[in-house]
Amino acid sequence: MKNAGLLAPQYRDEDAARAHIEKTRWPDGPVCPHCGVINEA
């Protein structure tokens, strides 16, 4: 089953999946790639 990872609890719905991906990508909050401002996205 190659999509078994999508059954993990952090992917139970769209909001949970988004929160997990954002936390993984920006552990200290979103950072603007242009100017480096943090948490203003």
N, C-alpha and C. Protein backbone atom coordinates (compact mmCIF):
# COMPACT_ATOMS: atom_id res chain seq x y z
N MET A 1 0.85 -1.17 0.00
CA MET A 1 0.00 0.00 0.00
C MET A 1 0.90 1.24 0.00
N LYS A 2 1.10 1.85 -1.14
CA LYS A 2 2.06 2.94 -1.22
C LYS A 2 1.56 4.26 -0.64
N ASN A 3 0.27 4.43 -0.39
CA ASN A 3 -0.27 5.66 0.19
C ASN A 3 -0.61 5.51 1.66
N ALA A 4 -0.05 4.50 2.33
CA ALA A 4 -0.35 4.25 3.73
C ALA A 4 -0.01 5.44 4.61
N GLY A 5 1.00 6.23 4.25
CA GLY A 5 1.38 7.40 5.03
C GLY A 5 0.28 8.44 5.10
N LEU A 6 -0.60 8.45 4.11
CA LEU A 6 -1.70 9.41 4.11
C LEU A 6 -2.79 9.04 5.10
N LEU A 7 -2.71 7.87 5.70
CA LEU A 7 -3.68 7.45 6.70
C LEU A 7 -3.25 7.84 8.11
N ALA A 8 -2.08 8.43 8.25
CA ALA A 8 -1.56 8.84 9.55
C ALA A 8 -2.48 9.89 10.18
N PRO A 9 -2.53 9.95 11.52
CA PRO A 9 -3.45 10.88 12.20
C PRO A 9 -3.28 12.34 11.79
N GLN A 10 -2.06 12.77 11.47
CA GLN A 10 -1.86 14.17 11.11
C GLN A 10 -2.51 14.52 9.78
N TYR A 11 -2.97 13.52 9.04
CA TYR A 11 -3.63 13.76 7.75
C TYR A 11 -5.11 13.38 7.79
N ARG A 12 -5.73 13.41 8.97
CA ARG A 12 -7.12 12.96 9.11
C ARG A 12 -8.10 13.86 8.38
N ASP A 13 -7.75 15.13 8.21
CA ASP A 13 -8.58 16.03 7.40
C ASP A 13 -7.68 17.13 6.84
N GLU A 14 -8.24 17.97 5.99
CA GLU A 14 -7.44 18.98 5.30
C GLU A 14 -6.78 19.96 6.27
N ASP A 15 -7.51 20.41 7.30
CA ASP A 15 -6.94 21.37 8.26
C ASP A 15 -5.80 20.75 9.06
N ALA A 16 -5.96 19.50 9.47
CA ALA A 16 -4.90 18.83 10.22
C ALA A 16 -3.67 18.63 9.34
N ALA A 17 -3.88 18.27 8.09
CA ALA A 17 -2.76 18.09 7.17
C ALA A 17 -2.01 19.40 6.95
N ARG A 18 -2.76 20.48 6.74
CA ARG A 18 -2.13 21.80 6.54
C ARG A 18 -1.33 22.21 7.78
N ALA A 19 -1.91 22.02 8.97
CA ALA A 19 -1.21 22.38 10.20
C ALA A 19 0.08 21.57 10.35
N HIS A 20 0.03 20.28 10.04
CA HIS A 20 1.22 19.43 10.15
C HIS A 20 2.31 19.89 9.17
N ILE A 21 1.93 20.15 7.94
CA ILE A 21 2.91 20.57 6.92
C ILE A 21 3.51 21.92 7.28
N GLU A 22 2.67 22.87 7.74
CA GLU A 22 3.19 24.19 8.13
C GLU A 22 4.14 24.08 9.31
N LYS A 23 3.79 23.25 10.30
CA LYS A 23 4.66 23.07 11.47
C LYS A 23 5.99 22.44 11.07
N THR A 24 5.93 21.51 10.11
CA THR A 24 7.15 20.85 9.63
C THR A 24 8.01 21.82 8.82
N ARG A 25 7.38 22.60 7.96
CA ARG A 25 8.10 23.51 7.07
C ARG A 25 8.63 24.74 7.81
N TRP A 26 7.82 25.29 8.72
CA TRP A 26 8.18 26.50 9.46
C TRP A 26 8.01 26.27 10.95
N PRO A 27 8.93 25.56 11.62
CA PRO A 27 8.76 25.26 13.04
C PRO A 27 8.69 26.51 13.93
N ASP A 28 9.26 27.62 13.48
CA ASP A 28 9.22 28.86 14.26
C ASP A 28 8.22 29.86 13.68
N GLY A 29 7.31 29.40 12.83
CA GLY A 29 6.34 30.27 12.18
C GLY A 29 6.76 30.57 10.76
N PRO A 30 5.81 31.08 9.95
CA PRO A 30 6.13 31.36 8.55
C PRO A 30 7.18 32.46 8.42
N VAL A 31 8.05 32.32 7.43
CA VAL A 31 9.11 33.28 7.16
C VAL A 31 9.00 33.74 5.71
N CYS A 32 8.99 35.05 5.49
CA CYS A 32 8.94 35.59 4.14
C CYS A 32 10.26 35.27 3.43
N PRO A 33 10.20 34.60 2.28
CA PRO A 33 11.43 34.27 1.57
C PRO A 33 12.10 35.50 0.96
N HIS A 34 11.36 36.58 0.82
CA HIS A 34 11.91 37.79 0.21
C HIS A 34 12.65 38.66 1.23
N CYS A 35 11.99 38.96 2.36
CA CYS A 35 12.59 39.90 3.31
C CYS A 35 12.97 39.27 4.64
N GLY A 36 12.53 38.03 4.90
CA GLY A 36 12.89 37.34 6.13
C GLY A 36 12.00 37.66 7.32
N VAL A 37 10.92 38.41 7.14
CA VAL A 37 10.01 38.73 8.23
C VAL A 37 9.35 37.44 8.71
N ILE A 38 9.24 37.29 10.03
CA ILE A 38 8.68 36.08 10.62
C ILE A 38 7.27 36.35 11.14
N ASN A 39 6.37 35.38 10.95
CA ASN A 39 4.99 35.39 11.45
C ASN A 39 4.11 36.52 10.93
N GLU A 40 4.37 37.04 9.77
CA GLU A 40 3.53 38.08 9.19
C GLU A 40 2.78 37.59 7.96
N ALA A 41 2.80 36.29 7.72
CA ALA A 41 2.13 35.73 6.53
C ALA A 41 0.65 35.63 6.75
